[in-house]
Amino acid sequence: MVPDAAFDTAAVKGIVANLDPHSVFLDAAEYDQMRAATTGSYTGVGIEVSAQDGRVVVVTPIEGSPAAHAGVHAGDVVLAVNDQLVTADKLDETIGRMRGVTGTQVRLAVGRKGEPEPLLFSLERGEVHVHSVRAEPLPGSFGYVRITQFNDSTPDDLVQALSTLMHPAPKSAFRPLRGLVLDLRGNPGGVLESAVSIADAFLDSGVIVRANGRTPESRFEMSATPGDALDGQPLVVLVDGGSASGSEIVAGALRDHGRATLLGERTFGKGSVQTVIPLRDGQALKLTTSLYFTPSGTSIHERGIEPDDSIPARPGWV
């Protein structure tokens, strides 16, 4: 028999989902995962997993995490957590079992290609920091920065990434960048203020985003502060159909102010702002409260942003 609470939860989820495509009721586990994604840190073993072909597969161990130190590899298949078998259809439950209090132990059994028997890991949970920014130097004193999502730590991560590009080795001389490629492909968005900070990093002045809603709190405007991290050097932003929400705020602001050239494909077209309302028992409502507009006054909701130069995605283009 299905408990009454499960029926209630399903009913509430259905009602909220019917409001618009981006409003959602979050149960305690979902809200916890959302907060971890927002803050950029959580307590656990530090592996990113996904459901693939009916299996729970390690996408990557996060650098510096307990799993990375223990030798868990990308491509490993998680078979059991604390001696309980895992299945792909209960991925959230598996993730929840790997998280916990700092200093507590968790046992993983994983399958690895070429290993006849499962590998067993006893890991101590710790604070895991998810870095949303990756940087690489390009020939000719140019740089490449990829941002996978916008969380609370993304602005600081960007500062660190640019510092690494400008100071490629300890005690090395300062090397100003002649230009930068900012890769926002596949970035679904995240924390609004974080996205605004990223746009602000490359703008000296001007409106970054405006929002309009029914209540005074849902109507606001955010503007740039003085200072351009590149001192006006060329900036190219890569976008595609997976660039949404915060990515579109950044791309739209930089393009509208003539600060960047957009390359790639038309963006997703999510021009709405969600407000999270905590509830009892660790649950929450995520409700759409505003529509945002680029500095030129354009709404990209369900339209997306057309790049300045269209470059179709192709396999292996990362």
Protein backbone atom coordinates (compact mmCIF):
# COMPACT_ATOMS: atom_id res chain seq x y z
CA MET A 1 0.00 0.00 0.00
CA VAL A 2 1.29 3.46 -0.90
CA PRO A 3 1.47 5.77 2.18
CA ASP A 4 -0.82 8.81 2.25
CA ALA A 5 2.24 11.06 2.44
CA ALA A 6 3.45 9.75 -0.93
CA PHE A 7 0.07 10.58 -2.50
CA ASP A 8 0.19 14.07 -0.98
CA THR A 9 3.69 14.67 -2.29
CA ALA A 10 2.76 13.46 -5.77
CA ALA A 11 -0.32 15.69 -5.80
CA VAL A 12 1.65 18.78 -4.76
CA LYS A 13 4.34 18.05 -7.35
CA GLY A 14 1.68 17.81 -10.04
CA ILE A 15 -0.03 21.04 -9.02
CA VAL A 16 3.21 23.05 -8.91
CA ALA A 17 4.53 21.55 -12.15
CA ASN A 18 1.31 22.66 -13.87
CA LEU A 19 2.06 26.33 -13.10
CA ASP A 20 4.91 26.59 -15.62
CA PRO A 21 7.79 24.41 -16.85
CA HIS A 22 10.27 25.74 -14.27
CA SER A 23 8.25 25.78 -11.05
CA VAL A 24 8.73 22.68 -8.94
CA PHE A 25 8.08 21.21 -5.49
CA LEU A 26 11.31 19.85 -3.99
CA ASP A 27 11.31 17.06 -1.45
CA ALA A 28 14.02 17.04 1.21
CA ALA A 29 16.54 15.08 -0.88
CA GLU A 30 15.98 17.22 -3.97
CA TYR A 31 16.27 20.42 -1.96
CA ASP A 32 19.51 19.18 -0.39
CA GLN A 33 20.95 18.45 -3.83
CA MET A 34 19.90 21.87 -5.09
CA ARG A 35 21.57 23.59 -2.15
CA ALA A 36 24.77 21.60 -2.76
CA ALA A 37 24.76 22.71 -6.40
CA THR A 38 24.10 26.31 -5.35
CA THR A 39 26.85 26.57 -2.75
CA GLY A 40 29.40 24.60 -4.75
CA SER A 41 30.25 22.37 -1.79
CA TYR A 42 28.78 19.45 0.12
CA THR A 43 29.80 16.69 2.51
CA GLY A 44 30.39 13.34 0.86
CA VAL A 45 32.95 11.25 -1.01
CA GLY A 46 33.33 13.46 -4.09
CA ILE A 47 32.23 11.60 -7.18
CA GLU A 48 29.92 12.73 -9.96
CA VAL A 49 27.73 9.84 -11.10
CA SER A 50 25.12 9.30 -13.80
CA ALA A 51 22.72 6.58 -14.89
CA GLN A 52 24.02 4.91 -18.05
CA ASP A 53 22.60 1.76 -19.63
CA GLY A 54 20.96 0.73 -16.37
CA ARG A 55 24.13 1.23 -14.32
CA VAL A 56 25.41 3.91 -11.94
CA VAL A 57 28.63 5.10 -13.56
CA VAL A 58 31.31 7.43 -12.18
CA VAL A 59 31.53 10.42 -14.52
CA THR A 60 34.51 11.85 -12.67
CA PRO A 61 36.03 11.87 -9.19
CA ILE A 62 36.25 15.48 -8.03
CA GLU A 63 39.80 16.71 -7.65
CA GLY A 64 41.03 16.60 -4.05
CA SER A 65 38.04 14.57 -2.82
CA PRO A 66 38.18 11.39 -0.69
CA ALA A 67 37.21 9.31 -3.74
CA ALA A 68 39.98 10.83 -5.87
CA HIS A 69 42.59 10.24 -3.16
CA ALA A 70 41.43 6.61 -2.76
CA GLY A 71 41.77 5.86 -6.46
CA VAL A 72 38.18 5.81 -7.76
CA HIS A 73 38.33 6.30 -11.56
CA ALA A 74 36.05 7.79 -14.18
CA GLY A 75 34.15 4.94 -15.82
CA ASP A 76 33.98 2.82 -12.66
CA VAL A 77 30.54 1.32 -12.06
CA VAL A 78 29.14 1.75 -8.56
CA LEU A 79 27.77 -1.64 -7.49
CA ALA A 80 26.99 -1.11 -3.80
CA VAL A 81 27.05 1.56 -1.09
CA ASN A 82 27.48 0.30 2.46
CA ASP A 83 26.81 -3.24 1.19
CA GLN A 84 23.46 -2.26 -0.35
CA LEU A 85 23.18 -2.88 -4.07
CA VAL A 86 22.45 0.19 -6.19
CA THR A 87 20.32 0.56 -9.29
CA ALA A 88 20.17 3.29 -11.93
CA ASP A 89 16.47 3.93 -11.33
CA LYS A 90 17.27 5.02 -7.76
CA LEU A 91 20.17 7.32 -8.56
CA ASP A 92 19.10 10.04 -6.09
CA GLU A 93 18.91 7.49 -3.29
CA THR A 94 22.41 6.27 -4.13
CA ILE A 95 23.78 9.82 -4.06
CA GLY A 96 22.06 10.42 -0.71
CA ARG A 97 23.70 7.35 0.81
CA MET A 98 27.16 8.55 -0.21
CA ARG A 99 26.64 11.90 1.51
CA GLY A 100 26.70 12.36 5.26
CA VAL A 101 28.51 13.85 8.21
CA THR A 102 32.17 14.80 7.87
CA GLY A 103 34.43 12.12 9.30
CA THR A 104 31.98 9.24 8.95
CA GLN A 105 32.77 6.20 6.85
CA VAL A 106 31.12 4.87 3.71
CA ARG A 107 31.96 1.69 1.80
CA LEU A 108 31.85 1.54 -1.97
CA ALA A 109 32.03 -1.51 -4.20
CA VAL A 110 32.82 -0.65 -7.81
CA GLY A 111 33.35 -2.60 -10.98
CA ARG A 112 36.22 -1.62 -13.24
CA LYS A 113 37.02 -2.73 -16.77
CA GLY A 114 39.80 -5.28 -16.71
CA GLU A 115 39.27 -6.19 -13.05
CA PRO A 116 37.71 -9.64 -12.53
CA GLU A 117 36.39 -8.81 -9.04
CA PRO A 118 34.74 -5.69 -7.57
CA LEU A 119 37.07 -3.15 -5.99
CA LEU A 120 36.25 -2.19 -2.41
CA PHE A 121 36.85 1.32 -1.04
CA SER A 122 36.39 2.50 2.53
CA LEU A 123 36.11 6.29 2.35
CA GLU A 124 35.88 8.98 4.99
CA ARG A 125 33.33 11.62 4.09
CA GLY A 126 34.67 15.14 3.87
CA GLU A 127 33.91 18.60 2.56
CA VAL A 128 33.87 18.45 -1.23
CA HIS A 129 34.30 21.61 -3.29
CA VAL A 130 32.89 21.55 -6.81
CA HIS A 131 34.80 23.92 -9.06
CA SER A 132 32.62 25.27 -11.85
CA VAL A 133 35.46 26.97 -13.74
CA ARG A 134 38.26 25.40 -15.78
CA ALA A 135 41.02 27.35 -17.52
CA GLU A 136 43.61 26.50 -20.16
CA PRO A 137 46.19 28.67 -21.92
CA LEU A 138 45.98 29.03 -25.68
CA PRO A 139 48.87 29.86 -28.04
CA GLY A 140 49.80 33.50 -28.40
CA SER A 141 48.93 34.64 -24.86
CA PHE A 142 45.24 33.91 -25.31
CA GLY A 143 43.16 32.05 -22.75
CA TYR A 144 40.24 29.63 -22.56
CA VAL A 145 37.82 29.51 -19.63
CA ARG A 146 34.91 27.09 -19.34
CA ILE A 147 32.11 27.66 -16.81
CA THR A 148 29.88 24.63 -16.28
CA GLN A 149 27.34 26.28 -13.95
CA PHE A 150 26.91 29.35 -11.78
CA ASN A 151 27.16 28.65 -8.06
CA ASP A 152 28.22 30.77 -5.09
CA SER A 153 31.92 30.05 -5.65
CA THR A 154 31.97 30.69 -9.43
CA PRO A 155 33.08 34.36 -9.24
CA ASP A 156 36.03 33.47 -7.01
CA ASP A 157 36.83 30.48 -9.23
CA LEU A 158 36.92 32.82 -12.24
CA VAL A 159 39.35 35.17 -10.48
CA GLN A 160 41.59 32.19 -9.70
CA ALA A 161 41.35 30.91 -13.28
CA LEU A 162 42.32 34.26 -14.79
CA SER A 163 45.17 34.58 -12.30
CA THR A 164 46.46 31.17 -13.39
CA LEU A 165 46.36 32.21 -17.04
CA MET A 166 48.17 35.47 -16.32
CA HIS A 167 50.68 33.86 -13.92
CA PRO A 168 51.20 30.44 -15.53
CA ALA A 169 53.79 29.30 -12.98
CA PRO A 170 54.80 30.27 -9.45
CA LYS A 171 57.02 33.35 -9.39
CA SER A 172 56.55 33.81 -13.15
CA ALA A 173 56.18 37.24 -14.67
CA PHE A 174 52.74 38.74 -15.18
CA ARG A 175 51.48 37.93 -18.67
CA PRO A 176 48.50 40.01 -19.80
CA LEU A 177 46.03 38.13 -21.95
CA ARG A 178 45.56 39.25 -25.54
CA GLY A 179 42.05 37.80 -25.54
CA LEU A 180 39.82 35.17 -23.98
CA VAL A 181 37.40 32.45 -25.07
CA LEU A 182 34.60 32.08 -22.52
CA ASP A 183 32.85 28.73 -22.98
CA LEU A 184 29.24 28.64 -21.73
CA ARG A 185 28.10 25.69 -23.84
CA GLY A 186 25.93 23.27 -21.90
CA ASN A 187 25.81 25.62 -18.90
CA PRO A 188 22.22 25.46 -17.58
CA GLY A 189 22.52 28.51 -15.30
CA GLY A 190 22.32 28.54 -11.52
CA VAL A 191 22.64 31.41 -9.06
CA LEU A 192 21.53 34.69 -10.65
CA GLU A 193 23.93 36.86 -8.63
CA SER A 194 26.82 34.63 -9.65
CA ALA A 195 26.01 35.00 -13.35
CA VAL A 196 25.75 38.78 -12.93
CA SER A 197 29.17 38.82 -11.25
CA ILE A 198 30.70 36.97 -14.20
CA ALA A 199 29.29 39.48 -16.67
CA ASP A 200 30.42 42.31 -14.37
CA ALA A 201 34.00 40.97 -14.47
CA PHE A 202 34.26 42.00 -18.13
CA LEU A 203 32.16 45.18 -18.08
CA ASP A 204 33.10 48.64 -16.82
CA SER A 205 29.56 49.99 -16.59
CA GLY A 206 25.98 49.58 -17.73
CA VAL A 207 22.94 47.45 -16.96
CA ILE A 208 23.56 43.69 -16.93
CA VAL A 209 20.00 42.43 -16.47
CA ARG A 210 16.51 43.71 -15.70
CA ALA A 211 13.66 41.64 -14.29
CA ASN A 212 9.93 42.26 -14.23
CA GLY A 213 7.31 40.47 -12.16
CA ARG A 214 4.04 41.04 -10.32
CA THR A 215 5.49 42.12 -6.97
CA PRO A 216 7.96 44.91 -6.13
CA GLU A 217 10.51 42.31 -5.00
CA SER A 218 10.39 40.61 -8.40
CA ARG A 219 11.18 43.83 -10.27
CA PHE A 220 14.83 44.74 -10.16
CA GLU A 221 17.86 45.88 -12.14
CA MET A 222 21.51 44.87 -11.76
CA SER A 223 24.39 46.91 -13.16
CA ALA A 224 28.14 46.55 -13.68
CA THR A 225 30.78 48.08 -11.44
CA PRO A 226 34.00 49.68 -12.74
CA GLY A 227 36.79 47.36 -13.82
CA ASP A 228 37.34 44.95 -16.73
CA ALA A 229 39.44 41.87 -15.97
CA LEU A 230 40.73 41.86 -19.56
CA ASP A 231 41.31 45.61 -19.88
CA GLY A 232 39.22 45.67 -23.04
CA GLN A 233 41.00 42.83 -24.83
CA PRO A 234 38.86 40.73 -27.24
CA LEU A 235 36.32 38.34 -25.73
CA VAL A 236 34.56 35.49 -27.53
CA VAL A 237 31.68 33.64 -25.86
CA LEU A 238 30.76 30.11 -26.99
CA VAL A 239 27.06 29.17 -26.63
CA ASP A 240 24.76 26.38 -27.74
CA GLY A 241 21.28 24.99 -27.16
CA GLY A 242 22.30 23.94 -23.65
CA SER A 243 23.28 27.47 -22.62
CA ALA A 244 20.36 28.63 -20.51
CA SER A 245 19.24 31.14 -17.88
CA GLY A 246 22.38 32.55 -16.24
CA SER A 247 24.43 31.74 -19.34
CA GLU A 248 22.00 33.76 -21.40
CA ILE A 249 22.22 36.67 -18.94
CA VAL A 250 26.01 36.72 -19.34
CA ALA A 251 25.96 36.27 -23.12
CA GLY A 252 23.18 38.83 -23.61
CA ALA A 253 24.81 41.49 -21.46
CA LEU A 254 28.25 41.11 -23.02
CA ARG A 255 26.83 41.18 -26.54
CA ASP A 256 24.43 44.08 -25.94
CA HIS A 257 27.29 46.22 -24.60
CA GLY A 258 29.48 45.32 -27.57
CA ARG A 259 31.94 43.62 -25.24
CA ALA A 260 31.91 40.13 -26.77
CA THR A 261 31.24 38.20 -29.95
CA LEU A 262 28.95 35.16 -29.58
CA LEU A 263 29.83 32.00 -31.49
CA GLY A 264 27.97 28.70 -31.69
CA GLU A 265 24.26 27.91 -31.75
CA ARG A 266 21.07 29.61 -30.58
CA THR A 267 20.75 29.41 -26.80
CA PHE A 268 18.03 27.55 -24.91
CA GLY A 269 15.67 30.44 -24.16
CA LYS A 270 15.02 30.30 -20.42
CA GLY A 271 14.33 33.90 -19.51
CA SER A 272 12.62 33.38 -16.17
CA VAL A 273 13.78 33.80 -12.58
CA GLN A 274 12.88 31.30 -9.85
CA THR A 275 12.61 32.05 -6.14
CA VAL A 276 13.12 29.22 -3.65
CA ILE A 277 10.78 29.17 -0.64
CA PRO A 278 11.87 26.78 2.15
CA LEU A 279 9.10 24.72 3.77
CA ARG A 280 8.93 22.44 6.79
CA ASP A 281 10.60 19.02 6.91
CA GLY A 282 13.42 20.19 4.63
CA GLN A 283 11.16 20.68 1.62
CA ALA A 284 10.90 23.72 -0.65
CA LEU A 285 9.00 25.38 -3.46
CA LYS A 286 10.85 26.77 -6.45
CA LEU A 287 8.47 29.23 -8.10
CA THR A 288 8.85 31.41 -11.18
CA THR A 289 8.58 35.03 -10.01
CA SER A 290 10.05 37.18 -12.82
CA LEU A 291 11.00 37.38 -16.46
CA TYR A 292 14.39 38.90 -17.15
CA PHE A 293 15.48 41.15 -20.00
CA THR A 294 18.88 41.85 -21.55
CA PRO A 295 20.26 45.43 -21.35
CA SER A 296 18.67 46.25 -24.73
CA GLY A 297 15.27 45.33 -23.30
CA THR A 298 15.00 42.02 -25.14
CA SER A 299 13.30 39.02 -23.57
CA ILE A 300 14.91 35.75 -24.63
CA HIS A 301 12.22 33.60 -22.97
CA GLU A 302 11.36 30.71 -25.29
CA ARG A 303 13.37 32.47 -28.03
CA GLY A 304 16.99 32.20 -27.03
CA ILE A 305 19.85 34.33 -28.29
CA GLU A 306 21.14 33.98 -31.83
CA PRO A 307 24.96 34.04 -31.95
CA ASP A 308 26.80 36.57 -34.06
CA ASP A 309 28.34 33.69 -36.01
CA SER A 310 26.64 30.32 -36.19
CA ILE A 311 28.88 27.28 -35.79
CA PRO A 312 27.02 23.93 -35.63
CA ALA A 313 28.04 21.61 -32.84
CA ARG A 314 29.95 18.56 -33.91
CA PRO A 315 31.03 15.38 -32.10
CA GLY A 316 34.15 15.88 -30.05
CA TRP A 317 33.81 19.69 -29.95
CA VAL A 318 34.42 20.42 -26.28
